[in-house]
Amino acid sequence: MNSYTPSKHVMALATYLSLLPMVYFLPKWLTTYLPENELLRLMILLAIIVPITSYIVLPSVVKVLKLIK
C-alpha cells in the first residue's frame, strides 16, 4: 500500500487556511446561541472547530494532494 504524507509546511498551510474562515465566521454566526461567559464560549467554539479541522478538512486535503501527486 502506497502511503502519502504531505510535508509539514503543506499541512501547516492547510491548517491555517482551514481555520481562518471558521475562526472568523463561526463566532459571528453562533453568537446568539453561545453563553455570555467568554471561557465557556471559547471552549464550545473550539469543540466545534477542532473536530471539523481534524476529521474533515485535513483528511480531505491529504486525499486531494495524493490525487494531484
C-alpha atoms as a PDB file:
ATOM      1  CA  MET A   1       0.000   0.000   0.000  1.00  0.00           C
ATOM      2  CA  ASN A   2       1.391   3.357  -1.020  1.00  0.00           C
ATOM      3  CA  SER A   3       1.184   5.892   1.792  1.00  0.00           C
ATOM      4  CA  TYR A   4       1.415   9.609   1.113  1.00  0.00           C
ATOM      5  CA  THR A   5       2.242  12.163   3.770  1.00  0.00           C
ATOM      6  CA  PRO A   6       2.386  15.842   2.796  1.00  0.00           C
ATOM      7  CA  SER A   7       5.227  17.944   4.123  1.00  0.00           C
ATOM      8  CA  LYS A   8       4.837  19.757   7.420  1.00  0.00           C
ATOM      9  CA  HIS A   9       4.775  23.060   5.559  1.00  0.00           C
ATOM     10  CA  VAL A  10       1.876  21.989   3.363  1.00  0.00           C
ATOM     11  CA  MET A  11      -0.072  20.724   6.380  1.00  0.00           C
ATOM     12  CA  ALA A  12       0.628  23.942   8.282  1.00  0.00           C
ATOM     13  CA  LEU A  13      -0.679  25.989   5.358  1.00  0.00           C
ATOM     14  CA  ALA A  14      -3.739  23.753   5.020  1.00  0.00           C
ATOM     15  CA  THR A  15      -4.426  24.071   8.742  1.00  0.00           C
ATOM     16  CA  TYR A  16      -4.102  27.834   8.593  1.00  0.00           C
ATOM     17  CA  LEU A  17      -6.374  28.155   5.559  1.00  0.00           C
ATOM     18  CA  SER A  18      -8.994  25.842   7.060  1.00  0.00           C
ATOM     19  CA  LEU A  19      -9.015  27.539  10.464  1.00  0.00           C
ATOM     20  CA  LEU A  20      -9.154  31.091   9.174  1.00  0.00           C
ATOM     21  CA  PRO A  21     -12.778  31.129   7.944  1.00  0.00           C
ATOM     22  CA  MET A  22     -14.046  29.023  10.837  1.00  0.00           C
ATOM     23  CA  VAL A  23     -12.443  31.230  13.481  1.00  0.00           C
ATOM     24  CA  TYR A  24     -13.717  34.335  11.711  1.00  0.00           C
ATOM     25  CA  PHE A  25     -17.276  33.321  10.832  1.00  0.00           C
ATOM     26  CA  LEU A  26     -18.409  30.732  13.396  1.00  0.00           C
ATOM     27  CA  PRO A  27     -18.380  33.062  16.406  1.00  0.00           C
ATOM     28  CA  LYS A  28     -20.438  35.610  14.463  1.00  0.00           C
ATOM     29  CA  TRP A  29     -22.951  33.024  13.276  1.00  0.00           C
ATOM     30  CA  LEU A  30     -23.323  31.293  16.640  1.00  0.00           C
ATOM     31  CA  THR A  31     -23.171  34.304  18.948  1.00  0.00           C
ATOM     32  CA  THR A  32     -26.900  34.192  19.779  1.00  0.00           C
ATOM     33  CA  TYR A  33     -26.639  30.523  20.802  1.00  0.00           C
ATOM     34  CA  LEU A  34     -23.473  30.813  22.887  1.00  0.00           C
ATOM     35  CA  PRO A  35     -23.287  31.716  26.567  1.00  0.00           C
ATOM     36  CA  GLU A  36     -22.041  35.098  27.786  1.00  0.00           C
ATOM     37  CA  ASN A  37     -19.134  33.555  29.677  1.00  0.00           C
ATOM     38  CA  GLU A  38     -16.084  34.121  27.464  1.00  0.00           C
ATOM     39  CA  LEU A  39     -14.204  30.998  28.557  1.00  0.00           C
ATOM     40  CA  LEU A  40     -17.227  28.757  28.058  1.00  0.00           C
ATOM     41  CA  ARG A  41     -17.922  30.350  24.666  1.00  0.00           C
ATOM     42  CA  LEU A  42     -14.319  29.716  23.597  1.00  0.00           C
ATOM     43  CA  MET A  43     -14.450  26.109  24.797  1.00  0.00           C
ATOM     44  CA  ILE A  44     -17.638  25.459  22.818  1.00  0.00           C
ATOM     45  CA  LEU A  45     -16.247  27.069  19.670  1.00  0.00           C
ATOM     46  CA  LEU A  46     -13.054  25.027  19.932  1.00  0.00           C
ATOM     47  CA  ALA A  47     -15.118  21.877  20.468  1.00  0.00           C
ATOM     48  CA  ILE A  48     -16.767  22.628  17.110  1.00  0.00           C
ATOM     49  CA  ILE A  49     -13.750  23.867  15.136  1.00  0.00           C
ATOM     50  CA  VAL A  50     -11.112  21.289  16.108  1.00  0.00           C
ATOM     51  CA  PRO A  51     -13.071  18.169  15.040  1.00  0.00           C
ATOM     52  CA  ILE A  52     -14.118  19.794  11.754  1.00  0.00           C
ATOM     53  CA  THR A  53     -10.496  20.602  11.008  1.00  0.00           C
ATOM     54  CA  SER A  54      -9.068  17.282  12.240  1.00  0.00           C
ATOM     55  CA  TYR A  55     -11.618  14.835  10.863  1.00  0.00           C
ATOM     56  CA  ILE A  56     -12.987  16.533   7.762  1.00  0.00           C
ATOM     57  CA  VAL A  57     -10.800  19.301   6.344  1.00  0.00           C
ATOM     58  CA  LEU A  58      -7.258  17.982   6.783  1.00  0.00           C
ATOM     59  CA  PRO A  59      -8.006  14.401   5.650  1.00  0.00           C
ATOM     60  CA  SER A  60      -9.705  15.881   2.588  1.00  0.00           C
ATOM     61  CA  VAL A  61      -6.641  17.997   1.869  1.00  0.00           C
ATOM     62  CA  VAL A  62      -4.406  14.922   2.113  1.00  0.00           C
ATOM     63  CA  LYS A  63      -6.670  13.000  -0.297  1.00  0.00           C
ATOM     64  CA  VAL A  64      -6.637  15.852  -2.807  1.00  0.00           C
ATOM     65  CA  LEU A  65      -2.857  16.217  -2.559  1.00  0.00           C
ATOM     66  CA  LYS A  66      -2.483  12.461  -3.007  1.00  0.00           C
ATOM     67  CA  LEU A  67      -4.554  12.627  -6.215  1.00  0.00           C
ATOM     68  CA  ILE A  68      -2.530  15.559  -7.517  1.00  0.00           C
ATOM     69  CA  LYS A  69       0.805  13.905  -6.763  1.00  0.00           C
END
